[in-house]
Protein backbone atom coordinates (compact mmCIF):
# COMPACT_ATOMS: atom_id res chain seq x y z
CA MET A 1 -37.14 -10.84 30.10
CA LYS A 2 -39.08 -12.29 32.85
CA TYR A 3 -42.00 -13.92 30.35
CA THR A 4 -42.11 -17.44 28.85
CA ILE A 5 -44.10 -18.21 25.60
CA LEU A 6 -46.38 -21.02 24.95
CA ILE A 7 -47.53 -21.70 21.41
CA LYS A 8 -49.61 -24.68 20.86
CA LYS A 9 -52.16 -26.34 18.16
CA ASN A 10 -54.97 -28.29 19.67
CA GLN A 11 -53.56 -29.89 22.65
CA ASP A 12 -49.82 -30.30 21.04
CA ILE A 13 -47.13 -27.69 22.28
CA LEU A 14 -45.28 -26.49 19.14
CA TYR A 15 -43.10 -24.17 21.20
CA GLU A 16 -42.46 -23.67 25.07
CA GLY A 17 -39.41 -21.16 26.03
CA HIS A 18 -38.09 -18.07 26.53
CA PRO A 19 -39.22 -15.52 23.85
CA LEU A 20 -35.82 -14.55 22.59
CA ASP A 21 -35.46 -18.07 21.46
CA LEU A 22 -38.56 -18.31 19.09
CA PRO A 23 -37.65 -19.43 15.85
CA ILE A 24 -37.56 -16.62 13.66
CA LYS A 25 -38.34 -16.43 9.98
CA GLN A 26 -35.05 -15.15 7.91
CA ASP A 27 -36.94 -13.31 5.34
CA LYS A 28 -38.79 -11.12 8.06
CA LEU A 29 -35.41 -10.75 10.17
CA ILE A 30 -33.59 -9.42 6.88
CA GLU A 31 -36.72 -7.13 5.90
CA LYS A 32 -36.65 -5.44 9.42
CA SER A 33 -32.98 -5.33 9.52
CA ILE A 34 -33.28 -3.27 6.10
CA GLU A 35 -36.11 -1.00 7.48
CA MET A 36 -34.21 -0.04 10.45
CA PHE A 37 -30.41 -0.28 9.39
CA ASP A 38 -30.09 -0.31 5.86
CA ASP A 39 -28.65 -3.73 6.11
CA LYS A 40 -29.11 -6.65 4.12
CA ASN A 41 -26.77 -8.66 5.78
CA PRO A 42 -27.02 -7.95 9.43
CA CYS A 43 -24.30 -8.80 11.72
CA ILE A 44 -25.37 -10.25 15.17
CA ILE A 45 -25.72 -7.02 17.01
CA HIS A 46 -28.61 -5.89 14.15
CA GLN A 47 -30.08 -9.36 14.26
CA THR A 48 -30.00 -9.28 18.08
CA TYR A 49 -31.66 -5.92 18.06
CA VAL A 50 -34.12 -7.08 15.50
CA ILE A 51 -35.01 -10.28 17.41
CA GLU A 52 -35.54 -8.20 20.50
CA SER A 53 -38.09 -5.56 18.67
CA PHE A 54 -39.99 -8.30 17.53
CA VAL A 55 -40.35 -9.85 20.72
CA ASP A 56 -41.10 -6.49 22.54
CA ALA A 57 -43.74 -5.72 19.97
CA LEU A 58 -45.32 -9.61 20.76
CA ILE A 59 -44.97 -9.57 24.30
CA SER A 60 -46.65 -5.64 24.54
CA ARG A 61 -49.92 -7.17 22.50
CA PHE A 62 -50.05 -9.97 24.70
CA LYS A 63 -49.14 -9.49 28.26
CA LYS A 64 -52.50 -7.91 29.85
CA ASN A 65 -53.76 -11.14 29.13
CA LEU A 66 -51.18 -13.28 31.23
CA ASN A 67 -51.54 -16.96 31.51
CA GLN A 68 -54.54 -16.97 29.24
CA ASP A 69 -54.82 -19.07 25.96
CA ILE A 70 -55.38 -16.18 23.12
CA GLU A 71 -56.27 -17.32 19.70
CA LEU A 72 -53.88 -16.27 16.84
CA SER A 73 -55.15 -15.10 13.64
CA LYS A 74 -53.43 -13.46 10.27
CA ASP A 75 -54.70 -10.05 11.14
CA ILE A 76 -52.14 -10.06 14.15
CA LYS A 77 -49.09 -8.34 12.84
CA GLU A 78 -46.91 -9.09 15.88
CA ILE A 79 -46.50 -12.73 15.07
CA GLU A 80 -45.33 -12.68 11.25
CA PHE A 81 -41.84 -13.07 12.33
CA ILE A 82 -42.62 -16.45 14.20
CA ASP A 83 -41.26 -19.57 12.30
CA ILE A 84 -44.09 -21.76 13.02
CA GLU A 85 -45.90 -23.62 10.46
CA ASN A 86 -49.68 -22.06 10.17
CA ILE A 87 -49.11 -19.78 13.42
CA ASP A 88 -52.28 -17.96 12.51
CA SER A 89 -54.21 -21.06 13.88
CA CYS A 90 -52.33 -21.71 16.93
CA MET A 91 -52.89 -20.66 20.34
CA ILE A 92 -50.52 -18.46 22.35
CA GLN A 93 -50.00 -17.91 25.91
CA VAL A 94 -47.60 -15.51 27.47
CA ARG A 95 -46.44 -16.11 31.16
CA ARG A 96 -44.57 -14.36 33.86
CA LYS A 97 -41.60 -16.30 35.31
């Protein structure tokens, strides 16, 4: 992927890096794996596919606002998988590498 993600709260950077390295909520990973593959105990291939699908949806949602801080909220379904406390009160920025 040709993007990096920046997540911050106030001026504190909570995450900065490659989208595929975002911290993932295990329950969301398993839930999506069951939905996609009927797999409650996903192998690494299924885990990778699920994570890529989460990240693709996230990038698609925010790439039209590259390099801009976007305020997150509970209404944004594409951030539910990110394992950062109070993610819905943070800012996100998608940057092209």
